[in-house]
Amino acid sequence: MINITIPEPDVTILKQKDPQLSHIYGFTDFHLITREKGGFFAFYNDKDELLFVGKARKLRQRIKKHFEDTVSVMKNHREEVTKIEVFENESPLERELYETYILNTRQAKYNVEKVFYK
């Protein structure tokens, strides 16, 4: 068995109690997420259950897309997200490995691709 150590997140943003503070489903700290770097990210609910794991070449744009577009697998579950963890990583190979490892070992609820546990 392969053992991968998941790093600590570089940025964690939490949903605000007053959703009117932000137009993005209660999140006000998107400015803390890098625009220029790649990495992977995880969405959690209020019970700290893993909802979704993703990766991106440009983190902020990709994460925001999950809250704005109509084709995201998260489009019907956006209200559930209360925490976003962001991990910066410039290696495409490492991003792929971390994403696949996390979503399968922690059984992400809404990921549909790369799932081996069902």
PDB file of N, CA and C in Angstrom:
ATOM      1  N   MET A   1       0.824  -1.182   0.000  1.00  0.00           N
ATOM      2  CA  MET A   1       0.000   0.000   0.000  1.00  0.00           C
ATOM      3  C   MET A   1       0.869   1.248   0.000  1.00  0.00           C
ATOM      4  N   ILE A   2       0.459   2.226  -0.762  1.00  0.00           N
ATOM      5  CA  ILE A   2       1.175   3.489  -0.840  1.00  0.00           C
ATOM      6  C   ILE A   2       0.659   4.414   0.251  1.00  0.00           C
ATOM      7  N   ASN A   3       1.577   5.058   0.953  1.00  0.00           N
ATOM      8  CA  ASN A   3       1.197   6.003   1.992  1.00  0.00           C
ATOM      9  C   ASN A   3       1.631   7.400   1.564  1.00  0.00           C
ATOM     10  N   ILE A   4       0.684   8.264   1.358  1.00  0.00           N
ATOM     11  CA  ILE A   4       0.958   9.638   0.943  1.00  0.00           C
ATOM     12  C   ILE A   4       0.613  10.563   2.098  1.00  0.00           C
ATOM     13  N   THR A   5       1.517  11.461   2.424  1.00  0.00           N
ATOM     14  CA  THR A   5       1.266  12.436   3.482  1.00  0.00           C
ATOM     15  C   THR A   5       0.695  13.694   2.852  1.00  0.00           C
ATOM     16  N   ILE A   6      -0.494  14.039   3.258  1.00  0.00           N
ATOM     17  CA  ILE A   6      -1.158  15.233   2.725  1.00  0.00           C
ATOM     18  C   ILE A   6      -0.639  16.444   3.497  1.00  0.00           C
ATOM     19  N   PRO A   7      -0.176  17.461   2.801  1.00  0.00           N
ATOM     20  CA  PRO A   7       0.359  18.638   3.498  1.00  0.00           C
ATOM     21  C   PRO A   7      -0.746  19.435   4.191  1.00  0.00           C
ATOM     22  N   GLU A   8      -0.336  20.338   5.041  1.00  0.00           N
ATOM     23  CA  GLU A   8      -1.277  21.277   5.669  1.00  0.00           C
ATOM     24  C   GLU A   8      -1.721  22.273   4.603  1.00  0.00           C
ATOM     25  N   PRO A   9      -2.963  22.722   4.653  1.00  0.00           N
ATOM     26  CA  PRO A   9      -3.420  23.688   3.645  1.00  0.00           C
ATOM     27  C   PRO A   9      -2.681  25.017   3.764  1.00  0.00           C
ATOM     28  N   ASP A  10      -2.439  25.653   2.618  1.00  0.00           N
ATOM     29  CA  ASP A  10      -1.815  26.967   2.605  1.00  0.00           C
ATOM     30  C   ASP A  10      -2.826  28.041   2.987  1.00  0.00           C
ATOM     31  N   VAL A  11      -4.079  27.827   2.627  1.00  0.00           N
ATOM     32  CA  VAL A  11      -5.150  28.770   2.928  1.00  0.00           C
ATOM     33  C   VAL A  11      -6.402  27.975   3.281  1.00  0.00           C
ATOM     34  N   THR A  12      -7.095  28.419   4.317  1.00  0.00           N
ATOM     35  CA  THR A  12      -8.407  27.873   4.667  1.00  0.00           C
ATOM     36  C   THR A  12      -9.361  29.046   4.789  1.00  0.00           C
ATOM     37  N   ILE A  13     -10.469  28.989   4.041  1.00  0.00           N
ATOM     38  CA  ILE A  13     -11.460  30.048   4.178  1.00  0.00           C
ATOM     39  C   ILE A  13     -12.779  29.442   4.630  1.00  0.00           C
ATOM     40  N   LEU A  14     -13.454  30.182   5.484  1.00  0.00           N
ATOM     41  CA  LEU A  14     -14.696  29.719   6.077  1.00  0.00           C
ATOM     42  C   LEU A  14     -15.861  30.581   5.624  1.00  0.00           C
ATOM     43  N   LYS A  15     -17.015  29.961   5.545  1.00  0.00           N
ATOM     44  CA  LYS A  15     -18.243  30.674   5.201  1.00  0.00           C
ATOM     45  C   LYS A  15     -18.599  31.607   6.350  1.00  0.00           C
ATOM     46  N   GLN A  16     -18.989  32.818   6.029  1.00  0.00           N
ATOM     47  CA  GLN A  16     -19.379  33.790   7.037  1.00  0.00           C
ATOM     48  C   GLN A  16     -20.793  33.505   7.525  1.00  0.00           C
ATOM     49  N   LYS A  17     -21.077  33.890   8.734  1.00  0.00           N
ATOM     50  CA  LYS A  17     -22.419  33.678   9.308  1.00  0.00           C
ATOM     51  C   LYS A  17     -23.472  34.478   8.554  1.00  0.00           C
ATOM     52  N   ASP A  18     -23.104  35.677   8.104  1.00  0.00           N
ATOM     53  CA  ASP A  18     -24.040  36.535   7.386  1.00  0.00           C
ATOM     54  C   ASP A  18     -23.746  36.421   5.892  1.00  0.00           C
ATOM     55  N   PRO A  19     -24.540  35.644   5.143  1.00  0.00           N
ATOM     56  CA  PRO A  19     -24.247  35.418   3.721  1.00  0.00           C
ATOM     57  C   PRO A  19     -24.349  36.678   2.866  1.00  0.00           C
ATOM     58  N   GLN A  20     -24.915  37.756   3.386  1.00  0.00           N
ATOM     59  CA  GLN A  20     -25.022  38.994   2.609  1.00  0.00           C
ATOM     60  C   GLN A  20     -23.694  39.730   2.523  1.00  0.00           C
ATOM     61  N   LEU A  21     -22.710  39.289   3.285  1.00  0.00           N
ATOM     62  CA  LEU A  21     -21.401  39.924   3.236  1.00  0.00           C
ATOM     63  C   LEU A  21     -20.663  39.617   1.936  1.00  0.00           C
ATOM     64  N   SER A  22     -21.076  38.581   1.238  1.00  0.00           N
ATOM     65  CA  SER A  22     -20.408  38.179   0.011  1.00  0.00           C
ATOM     66  C   SER A  22     -21.417  37.703  -1.012  1.00  0.00           C
ATOM     67  N   HIS A  23     -21.128  37.970  -2.271  1.00  0.00           N
ATOM     68  CA  HIS A  23     -21.978  37.476  -3.335  1.00  0.00           C
ATOM     69  C   HIS A  23     -21.629  36.044  -3.728  1.00  0.00           C
ATOM     70  N   ILE A  24     -20.601  35.474  -3.115  1.00  0.00           N
ATOM     71  CA  ILE A  24     -20.174  34.122  -3.467  1.00  0.00           C
ATOM     72  C   ILE A  24     -20.519  33.172  -2.321  1.00  0.00           C
ATOM     73  N   TYR A  25     -21.786  32.893  -2.142  1.00  0.00           N
ATOM     74  CA  TYR A  25     -22.288  31.910  -1.188  1.00  0.00           C
ATOM     75  C   TYR A  25     -21.721  32.075   0.217  1.00  0.00           C
ATOM     76  N   GLY A  26     -21.539  33.298   0.661  1.00  0.00           N
ATOM     77  CA  GLY A  26     -21.107  33.558   2.023  1.00  0.00           C
ATOM     78  C   GLY A  26     -19.612  33.592   2.238  1.00  0.00           C
ATOM     79  N   PHE A  27     -18.823  33.391   1.203  1.00  0.00           N
ATOM     80  CA  PHE A  27     -17.358  33.436   1.342  1.00  0.00           C
ATOM     81  C   PHE A  27     -16.849  34.829   0.994  1.00  0.00           C
ATOM     82  N   THR A  28     -16.056  35.400   1.892  1.00  0.00           N
ATOM     83  CA  THR A  28     -15.547  36.753   1.678  1.00  0.00           C
ATOM     84  C   THR A  28     -14.034  36.794   1.470  1.00  0.00           C
ATOM     85  N   ASP A  29     -13.345  35.705   1.699  1.00  0.00           N
ATOM     86  CA  ASP A  29     -11.879  35.727   1.689  1.00  0.00           C
ATOM     87  C   ASP A  29     -11.239  35.096   0.458  1.00  0.00           C
ATOM     88  N   PHE A  30     -11.917  35.128  -0.676  1.00  0.00           N
ATOM     89  CA  PHE A  30     -11.331  34.579  -1.898  1.00  0.00           C
ATOM     90  C   PHE A  30     -10.025  35.281  -2.270  1.00  0.00           C
ATOM     91  N   HIS A  31      -9.861  36.530  -1.814  1.00  0.00           N
ATOM     92  CA  HIS A  31      -8.630  37.268  -2.125  1.00  0.00           C
ATOM     93  C   HIS A  31      -7.390  36.612  -1.495  1.00  0.00           C
ATOM     94  N   LEU A  32      -7.579  35.745  -0.513  1.00  0.00           N
ATOM     95  CA  LEU A  32      -6.453  35.050   0.114  1.00  0.00           C
ATOM     96  C   LEU A  32      -5.906  33.911  -0.748  1.00  0.00           C
ATOM     97  N   ILE A  33      -6.694  33.466  -1.715  1.00  0.00           N
ATOM     98  CA  ILE A  33      -6.282  32.372  -2.599  1.00  0.00           C
ATOM     99  C   ILE A  33      -5.478  32.953  -3.756  1.00  0.00           C
ATOM    100  N   THR A  34      -4.348  32.368  -4.038  1.00  0.00           N
ATOM    101  CA  THR A  34      -3.472  32.856  -5.101  1.00  0.00           C
ATOM    102  C   THR A  34      -4.159  32.826  -6.469  1.00  0.00           C
ATOM    103  N   ARG A  35      -3.866  33.838  -7.268  1.00  0.00           N
ATOM    104  CA  ARG A  35      -4.344  33.873  -8.657  1.00  0.00           C
ATOM    105  C   ARG A  35      -3.380  33.163  -9.596  1.00  0.00           C
ATOM    106  N   GLU A  36      -2.109  33.169  -9.242  1.00  0.00           N
ATOM    107  CA  GLU A  36      -1.058  32.757 -10.170  1.00  0.00           C
ATOM    108  C   GLU A  36      -0.608  31.309 -10.025  1.00  0.00           C
ATOM    109  N   LYS A  37      -0.818  30.702  -8.876  1.00  0.00           N
ATOM    110  CA  LYS A  37      -0.269  29.368  -8.638  1.00  0.00           C
ATOM    111  C   LYS A  37      -1.320  28.286  -8.797  1.00  0.00           C
ATOM    112  N   GLY A  38      -0.829  27.089  -9.063  1.00  0.00           N
ATOM    113  CA  GLY A  38      -1.681  25.919  -9.154  1.00  0.00           C
ATOM    114  C   GLY A  38      -1.690  25.154  -7.850  1.00  0.00           C
ATOM    115  N   GLY A  39      -2.529  24.146  -7.812  1.00  0.00           N
ATOM    116  CA  GLY A  39      -2.601  23.313  -6.624  1.00  0.00           C
ATOM    117  C   GLY A  39      -3.863  22.483  -6.619  1.00  0.00           C
ATOM    118  N   PHE A  40      -4.291  22.110  -5.428  1.00  0.00           N
ATOM    119  CA  PHE A  40      -5.524  21.347  -5.290  1.00  0.00           C
ATOM    120  C   PHE A  40      -6.312  21.924  -4.128  1.00  0.00           C
ATOM    121  N   PHE A  41      -7.596  21.572  -4.064  1.00  0.00           N
ATOM    122  CA  PHE A  41      -8.469  22.172  -3.055  1.00  0.00           C
ATOM    123  C   PHE A  41      -9.515  21.168  -2.614  1.00  0.00           C
ATOM    124  N   ALA A  42     -10.108  21.431  -1.454  1.00  0.00           N
ATOM    125  CA  ALA A  42     -11.130  20.554  -0.904  1.00  0.00           C
ATOM    126  C   ALA A  42     -12.259  21.390  -0.323  1.00  0.00           C
ATOM    127  N   PHE A  43     -13.487  20.966  -0.588  1.00  0.00           N
ATOM    128  CA  PHE A  43     -14.686  21.597  -0.029  1.00  0.00           C
ATOM    129  C   PHE A  43     -15.235  20.704   1.076  1.00  0.00           C
ATOM    130  N   TYR A  44     -15.621  21.317   2.201  1.00  0.00           N
ATOM    131  CA  TYR A  44     -16.178  20.591   3.339  1.00  0.00           C
ATOM    132  C   TYR A  44     -17.520  21.191   3.748  1.00  0.00           C
ATOM    133  N   ASN A  45     -18.348  20.376   4.418  1.00  0.00           N
ATOM    134  CA  ASN A  45     -19.605  20.893   4.943  1.00  0.00           C
ATOM    135  C   ASN A  45     -19.435  21.249   6.419  1.00  0.00           C
ATOM    136  N   ASP A  46     -20.533  21.620   7.084  1.00  0.00           N
ATOM    137  CA  ASP A  46     -20.470  22.043   8.480  1.00  0.00           C
ATOM    138  C   ASP A  46     -20.160  20.899   9.449  1.00  0.00           C
ATOM    139  N   LYS A  47     -20.242  19.658   8.977  1.00  0.00           N
ATOM    140  CA  LYS A  47     -19.873  18.494   9.793  1.00  0.00           C
ATOM    141  C   LYS A  47     -18.446  18.051   9.506  1.00  0.00           C
ATOM    142  N   ASP A  48     -17.718  18.855   8.739  1.00  0.00           N
ATOM    143  CA  ASP A  48     -16.339  18.585   8.325  1.00  0.00           C
ATOM    144  C   ASP A  48     -16.233  17.334   7.462  1.00  0.00           C
ATOM    145  N   GLU A  49     -17.300  17.013   6.727  1.00  0.00           N
ATOM    146  CA  GLU A  49     -17.283  15.903   5.771  1.00  0.00           C
ATOM    147  C   GLU A  49     -16.765  16.428   4.438  1.00  0.00           C
ATOM    148  N   LEU A  50     -15.922  15.652   3.794  1.00  0.00           N
ATOM    149  CA  LEU A  50     -15.367  16.035   2.506  1.00  0.00           C
ATOM    150  C   LEU A  50     -16.434  15.933   1.422  1.00  0.00           C
ATOM    151  N   LEU A  51     -16.690  17.044   0.749  1.00  0.00           N
ATOM    152  CA  LEU A  51     -17.687  17.071  -0.309  1.00  0.00           C
ATOM    153  C   LEU A  51     -17.079  16.899  -1.693  1.00  0.00           C
ATOM    154  N   PHE A  52     -15.944  17.570  -1.922  1.00  0.00           N
ATOM    155  CA  PHE A  52     -15.383  17.600  -3.273  1.00  0.00           C
ATOM    156  C   PHE A  52     -13.899  17.921  -3.197  1.00  0.00           C
ATOM    157  N   VAL A  53     -13.119  17.309  -4.083  1.00  0.00           N
ATOM    158  CA  VAL A  53     -11.692  17.599  -4.220  1.00  0.00           C
ATOM    159  C   VAL A  53     -11.435  17.937  -5.679  1.00  0.00           C
ATOM    160  N   GLY A  54     -10.626  18.957  -5.913  1.00  0.00           N
ATOM    161  CA  GLY A  54     -10.295  19.324  -7.281  1.00  0.00           C
ATOM    162  C   GLY A  54      -8.870  19.832  -7.375  1.00  0.00           C
ATOM    163  N   LYS A  55      -8.425  20.045  -8.603  1.00  0.00           N
ATOM    164  CA  LYS A  55      -7.081  20.578  -8.837  1.00  0.00           C
ATOM    165  C   LYS A  55      -7.171  21.648  -9.913  1.00  0.00           C
ATOM    166  N   ALA A  56      -6.135  22.493  -9.990  1.00  0.00           N
ATOM    167  CA  ALA A  56      -6.186  23.582 -10.963  1.00  0.00           C
ATOM    168  C   ALA A  56      -4.797  24.147 -11.219  1.00  0.00           C
ATOM    169  N   ARG A  57      -4.633  24.696 -12.423  1.00  0.00           N
ATOM    170  CA  ARG A  57      -3.398  25.424 -12.746  1.00  0.00           C
ATOM    171  C   ARG A  57      -3.436  26.818 -12.134  1.00  0.00           C
ATOM    172  N   LYS A  58      -4.621  27.388 -12.014  1.00  0.00           N
ATOM    173  CA  LYS A  58      -4.838  28.707 -11.396  1.00  0.00           C
ATOM    174  C   LYS A  58      -5.947  28.520 -10.365  1.00  0.00           C
ATOM    175  N   LEU A  59      -5.584  28.493  -9.105  1.00  0.00           N
ATOM    176  CA  LEU A  59      -6.503  28.079  -8.056  1.00  0.00           C
ATOM    177  C   LEU A  59      -7.740  28.973  -7.888  1.00  0.00           C
ATOM    178  N   ARG A  60      -7.534  30.277  -7.725  1.00  0.00           N
ATOM    179  CA  ARG A  60      -8.677  31.139  -7.414  1.00  0.00           C
ATOM    180  C   ARG A  60      -9.757  31.072  -8.490  1.00  0.00           C
ATOM    181  N   GLN A  61      -9.346  31.150  -9.753  1.00  0.00           N
ATOM    182  CA  GLN A  61     -10.315  31.121 -10.844  1.00  0.00           C
ATOM    183  C   GLN A  61     -11.098  29.811 -10.855  1.00  0.00           C
ATOM    184  N   ARG A  62     -10.416  28.705 -10.624  1.00  0.00           N
ATOM    185  CA  ARG A  62     -11.080  27.400 -10.679  1.00  0.00           C
ATOM    186  C   ARG A  62     -12.060  27.224  -9.527  1.00  0.00           C
ATOM    187  N   ILE A  63     -11.657  27.617  -8.342  1.00  0.00           N
ATOM    188  CA  ILE A  63     -12.538  27.475  -7.180  1.00  0.00           C
ATOM    189  C   ILE A  63     -13.781  28.342  -7.354  1.00  0.00           C
ATOM    190  N   LYS A  64     -13.601  29.576  -7.815  1.00  0.00           N
ATOM    191  CA  LYS A  64     -14.745  30.464  -8.026  1.00  0.00           C
ATOM    192  C   LYS A  64     -15.702  29.907  -9.079  1.00  0.00           C
ATOM    193  N   LYS A  65     -15.156  29.237 -10.088  1.00  0.00           N
ATOM    194  CA  LYS A  65     -16.010  28.649 -11.131  1.00  0.00           C
ATOM    195  C   LYS A  65     -16.998  27.635 -10.554  1.00  0.00           C
ATOM    196  N   HIS A  66     -16.578  26.906  -9.534  1.00  0.00           N
ATOM    197  CA  HIS A  66     -17.476  25.930  -8.916  1.00  0.00           C
ATOM    198  C   HIS A  66     -18.691  26.614  -8.278  1.00  0.00           C
ATOM    199  N   PHE A  67     -18.562  27.882  -7.953  1.00  0.00           N
ATOM    200  CA  PHE A  67     -19.665  28.615  -7.348  1.00  0.00           C
ATOM    201  C   PHE A  67     -20.440  29.454  -8.361  1.00  0.00           C
ATOM    202  N   GLU A  68     -19.935  29.562  -9.581  1.00  0.00           N
ATOM    203  CA  GLU A  68     -20.549  30.466 -10.554  1.00  0.00           C
ATOM    204  C   GLU A  68     -21.113  29.789 -11.791  1.00  0.00           C
ATOM    205  N   ASP A  69     -20.497  28.710 -12.260  1.00  0.00           N
ATOM    206  CA  ASP A  69     -20.951  28.159 -13.541  1.00  0.00           C
ATOM    207  C   ASP A  69     -22.110  27.167 -13.371  1.00  0.00           C
ATOM    208  N   THR A  70     -22.680  26.786 -14.483  1.00  0.00           N
ATOM    209  CA  THR A  70     -23.857  25.911 -14.452  1.00  0.00           C
ATOM    210  C   THR A  70     -23.530  24.454 -14.739  1.00  0.00           C
ATOM    211  N   VAL A  71     -22.258  24.135 -14.967  1.00  0.00           N
ATOM    212  CA  VAL A  71     -21.895  22.760 -15.288  1.00  0.00           C
ATOM    213  C   VAL A  71     -21.092  22.071 -14.185  1.00  0.00           C
ATOM    214  N   SER A  72     -20.737  22.774 -13.143  1.00  0.00           N
ATOM    215  CA  SER A  72     -19.973  22.190 -12.048  1.00  0.00           C
ATOM    216  C   SER A  72     -20.784  21.094 -11.369  1.00  0.00           C
ATOM    217  N   VAL A  73     -20.111  20.029 -10.952  1.00  0.00           N
ATOM    218  CA  VAL A  73     -20.799  18.975 -10.205  1.00  0.00           C
ATOM    219  C   VAL A  73     -21.300  19.497  -8.863  1.00  0.00           C
ATOM    220  N   MET A  74     -20.800  20.638  -8.451  1.00  0.00           N
ATOM    221  CA  MET A  74     -21.200  21.238  -7.180  1.00  0.00           C
ATOM    222  C   MET A  74     -22.386  22.192  -7.329  1.00  0.00           C
ATOM    223  N   LYS A  75     -22.900  22.372  -8.530  1.00  0.00           N
ATOM    224  CA  LYS A  75     -23.926  23.392  -8.759  1.00  0.00           C
ATOM    225  C   LYS A  75     -25.164  23.229  -7.882  1.00  0.00           C
ATOM    226  N   ASN A  76     -25.532  22.016  -7.538  1.00  0.00           N
ATOM    227  CA  ASN A  76     -26.703  21.792  -6.685  1.00  0.00           C
ATOM    228  C   ASN A  76     -26.347  21.641  -5.208  1.00  0.00           C
ATOM    229  N   HIS A  77     -25.068  21.785  -4.884  1.00  0.00           N
ATOM    230  CA  HIS A  77     -24.608  21.541  -3.512  1.00  0.00           C
ATOM    231  C   HIS A  77     -23.804  22.710  -2.953  1.00  0.00           C
ATOM    232  N   ARG A  78     -23.811  23.833  -3.605  1.00  0.00           N
ATOM    233  CA  ARG A  78     -22.993  24.983  -3.201  1.00  0.00           C
ATOM    234  C   ARG A  78     -23.311  25.470  -1.800  1.00  0.00           C
ATOM    235  N   GLU A  79     -24.576  25.417  -1.437  1.00  0.00           N
ATOM    236  CA  GLU A  79     -24.996  25.887  -0.113  1.00  0.00           C
ATOM    237  C   GLU A  79     -24.406  25.038   1.017  1.00  0.00           C
ATOM    238  N   GLU A  80     -24.051  23.799   0.714  1.00  0.00           N
ATOM    239  CA  GLU A  80     -23.492  22.898   1.728  1.00  0.00           C
ATOM    240  C   GLU A  80     -22.069  23.270   2.123  1.00  0.00           C
ATOM    241  N   VAL A  81     -21.332  23.910   1.236  1.00  0.00           N
ATOM    242  CA  VAL A  81     -19.915  24.184   1.464  1.00  0.00           C
ATOM    243  C   VAL A  81     -19.762  25.253   2.539  1.00  0.00           C
ATOM    244  N   THR A  82     -19.039  24.914   3.614  1.00  0.00           N
ATOM    245  CA  THR A  82     -18.783  25.872   4.692  1.00  0.00           C
ATOM    246  C   THR A  82     -17.290  26.120   4.902  1.00  0.00           C
ATOM    247  N   LYS A  83     -16.447  25.272   4.298  1.00  0.00           N
ATOM    248  CA  LYS A  83     -14.996  25.443   4.441  1.00  0.00           C
ATOM    249  C   LYS A  83     -14.319  25.033   3.149  1.00  0.00           C
ATOM    250  N   ILE A  84     -13.320  25.817   2.760  1.00  0.00           N
ATOM    251  CA  ILE A  84     -12.503  25.499   1.589  1.00  0.00           C
ATOM    252  C   ILE A  84     -11.047  25.482   2.028  1.00  0.00           C
ATOM    253  N   GLU A  85     -10.373  24.364   1.772  1.00  0.00           N
ATOM    254  CA  GLU A  85      -8.938  24.268   2.033  1.00  0.00           C
ATOM    255  C   GLU A  85      -8.211  24.310   0.690  1.00  0.00           C
ATOM    256  N   VAL A  86      -7.134  25.097   0.642  1.00  0.00           N
ATOM    257  CA  VAL A  86      -6.381  25.300  -0.588  1.00  0.00           C
ATOM    258  C   VAL A  86      -4.922  24.907  -0.351  1.00  0.00           C
ATOM    259  N   PHE A  87      -4.391  24.084  -1.250  1.00  0.00           N
ATOM    260  CA  PHE A  87      -3.017  23.598  -1.164  1.00  0.00           C
ATOM    261  C   PHE A  87      -2.278  24.025  -2.426  1.00  0.00           C
ATOM    262  N   GLU A  88      -1.278  24.847  -2.305  1.00  0.00           N
ATOM    263  CA  GLU A  88      -0.512  25.281  -3.474  1.00  0.00           C
ATOM    264  C   GLU A  88       0.484  24.196  -3.852  1.00  0.00           C
ATOM    265  N   ASN A  89       0.541  23.889  -5.149  1.00  0.00           N
ATOM    266  CA  ASN A  89       1.468  22.878  -5.650  1.00  0.00           C
ATOM    267  C   ASN A  89       1.623  23.098  -7.154  1.00  0.00           C
ATOM    268  N   GLU A  90       2.810  23.378  -7.592  1.00  0.00           N
ATOM    269  CA  GLU A  90       3.057  23.701  -8.993  1.00  0.00           C
ATOM    270  C   GLU A  90       3.264  22.476  -9.880  1.00  0.00           C
ATOM    271  N   SER A  91       3.401  21.296  -9.302  1.00  0.00           N
ATOM    272  CA  SER A  91       3.646  20.090 -10.090  1.00  0.00           C
ATOM    273  C   SER A  91       2.325  19.458 -10.545  1.00  0.00           C
ATOM    274  N   PRO A  92       2.066  19.404 -11.866  1.00  0.00           N
ATOM    275  CA  PRO A  92       0.835  18.767 -12.351  1.00  0.00           C
ATOM    276  C   PRO A  92       0.717  17.307 -11.910  1.00  0.00           C
ATOM    277  N   LEU A  93       1.813  16.586 -11.889  1.00  0.00           N
ATOM    278  CA  LEU A  93       1.791  15.179 -11.477  1.00  0.00           C
ATOM    279  C   LEU A  93       1.406  15.051  -9.999  1.00  0.00           C
ATOM    280  N   GLU A  94       2.015  15.862  -9.162  1.00  0.00           N
ATOM    281  CA  GLU A  94       1.695  15.800  -7.733  1.00  0.00           C
ATOM    282  C   GLU A  94       0.250  16.213  -7.473  1.00  0.00           C
ATOM    283  N   ARG A  95      -0.241  17.231  -8.182  1.00  0.00           N
ATOM    284  CA  ARG A  95      -1.647  17.634  -8.024  1.00  0.00           C
ATOM    285  C   ARG A  95      -2.583  16.484  -8.344  1.00  0.00           C
ATOM    286  N   GLU A  96      -2.290  15.795  -9.421  1.00  0.00           N
ATOM    287  CA  GLU A  96      -3.109  14.649  -9.834  1.00  0.00           C
ATOM    288  C   GLU A  96      -3.090  13.547  -8.780  1.00  0.00           C
ATOM    289  N   LEU A  97      -1.905  13.238  -8.260  1.00  0.00           N
ATOM    290  CA  LEU A  97      -1.780  12.194  -7.242  1.00  0.00           C
ATOM    291  C   LEU A  97      -2.519  12.567  -5.953  1.00  0.00           C
ATOM    292  N   TYR A  98      -2.318  13.786  -5.479  1.00  0.00           N
ATOM    293  CA  TYR A  98      -2.995  14.222  -4.256  1.00  0.00           C
ATOM    294  C   TYR A  98      -4.513  14.195  -4.427  1.00  0.00           C
ATOM    295  N   GLU A  99      -5.000  14.728  -5.548  1.00  0.00           N
ATOM    296  CA  GLU A  99      -6.441  14.762  -5.776  1.00  0.00           C
ATOM    297  C   GLU A  99      -7.030  13.348  -5.744  1.00  0.00           C
ATOM    298  N   THR A 100      -6.448  12.439  -6.493  1.00  0.00           N
ATOM    299  CA  THR A 100      -6.953  11.067  -6.567  1.00  0.00           C
ATOM    300  C   THR A 100      -6.853  10.372  -5.215  1.00  0.00           C
ATOM    301  N   TYR A 101      -5.740  10.554  -4.539  1.00  0.00           N
ATOM    302  CA  TYR A 101      -5.538   9.922  -3.231  1.00  0.00           C
ATOM    303  C   TYR A 101      -6.547  10.431  -2.205  1.00  0.00           C
ATOM    304  N   ILE A 102      -6.711  11.743  -2.123  1.00  0.00           N
ATOM    305  CA  ILE A 102      -7.620  12.325  -1.125  1.00  0.00           C
ATOM    306  C   ILE A 102      -9.059  11.914  -1.386  1.00  0.00           C
ATOM    307  N   LEU A 103      -9.494  12.024  -2.623  1.00  0.00           N
ATOM    308  CA  LEU A 103     -10.917  11.735  -2.871  1.00  0.00           C
ATOM    309  C   LEU A 103     -11.251  10.266  -2.669  1.00  0.00           C
ATOM    310  N   ASN A 104     -10.293   9.386  -2.817  1.00  0.00           N
ATOM    311  CA  ASN A 104     -10.557   7.964  -2.610  1.00  0.00           C
ATOM    312  C   ASN A 104     -10.342   7.513  -1.166  1.00  0.00           C
ATOM    313  N   THR A 105      -9.354   8.048  -0.476  1.00  0.00           N
ATOM    314  CA  THR A 105      -9.138   7.635   0.914  1.00  0.00           C
ATOM    315  C   THR A 105     -10.133   8.298   1.848  1.00  0.00           C
ATOM    316  N   ARG A 106     -10.541   9.514   1.533  1.00  0.00           N
ATOM    317  CA  ARG A 106     -11.511  10.223   2.386  1.00  0.00           C
ATOM    318  C   ARG A 106     -12.922  10.186   1.804  1.00  0.00           C
ATOM    319  N   GLN A 107     -13.093   9.526   0.686  1.00  0.00           N
ATOM    320  CA  GLN A 107     -14.376   9.300   0.021  1.00  0.00           C
ATOM    321  C   GLN A 107     -15.193  10.584  -0.141  1.00  0.00           C
ATOM    322  N   ALA A 108     -14.691  11.441  -1.013  1.00  0.00           N
ATOM    323  CA  ALA A 108     -15.378  12.689  -1.327  1.00  0.00           C
ATOM    324  C   ALA A 108     -16.791  12.405  -1.836  1.00  0.00           C
ATOM    325  N   LYS A 109     -17.748  13.130  -1.321  1.00  0.00           N
ATOM    326  CA  LYS A 109     -19.163  12.851  -1.570  1.00  0.00           C
ATOM    327  C   LYS A 109     -19.612  13.135  -3.002  1.00  0.00           C
ATOM    328  N   TYR A 110     -19.116  14.200  -3.624  1.00  0.00           N
ATOM    329  CA  TYR A 110     -19.639  14.608  -4.924  1.00  0.00           C
ATOM    330  C   TYR A 110     -18.675  14.453  -6.098  1.00  0.00           C
ATOM    331  N   ASN A 111     -17.499  13.929  -5.882  1.00  0.00           N
ATOM    332  CA  ASN A 111     -16.633  13.638  -7.024  1.00  0.00           C
ATOM    333  C   ASN A 111     -17.192  12.431  -7.766  1.00  0.00           C
ATOM    334  N   VAL A 112     -17.184  12.486  -9.083  1.00  0.00           N
ATOM    335  CA  VAL A 112     -17.726  11.386  -9.874  1.00  0.00           C
ATOM    336  C   VAL A 112     -16.670  10.685 -10.709  1.00  0.00           C
ATOM    337  N   GLU A 113     -15.580  11.358 -10.998  1.00  0.00           N
ATOM    338  CA  GLU A 113     -14.487  10.753 -11.760  1.00  0.00           C
ATOM    339  C   GLU A 113     -13.383  10.320 -10.809  1.00  0.00           C
ATOM    340  N   LYS A 114     -12.563   9.400 -11.229  1.00  0.00           N
ATOM    341  CA  LYS A 114     -11.403   8.907 -10.477  1.00  0.00           C
ATOM    342  C   LYS A 114     -11.785   8.244  -9.164  1.00  0.00           C
ATOM    343  N   VAL A 115     -12.993   7.761  -9.057  1.00  0.00           N
ATOM    344  CA  VAL A 115     -13.464   7.148  -7.817  1.00  0.00           C
ATOM    345  C   VAL A 115     -13.300   5.640  -7.895  1.00  0.00           C
ATOM    346  N   PHE A 116     -12.600   5.083  -6.924  1.00  0.00           N
ATOM    347  CA  PHE A 116     -12.363   3.652  -6.896  1.00  0.00           C
ATOM    348  C   PHE A 116     -13.099   2.971  -5.750  1.00  0.00           C
ATOM    349  N   TYR A 117     -13.715   3.718  -4.848  1.00  0.00           N
ATOM    350  CA  TYR A 117     -14.304   3.144  -3.635  1.00  0.00           C
ATOM    351  C   TYR A 117     -15.763   2.747  -3.783  1.00  0.00           C
ATOM    352  N   LYS A 118     -16.409   3.041  -4.903  1.00  0.00           N
ATOM    353  CA  LYS A 118     -17.837   2.693  -5.045  1.00  0.00           C
ATOM    354  C   LYS A 118     -18.014   1.289  -5.557  1.00  0.00           C
TER     355      LYS A 118
END
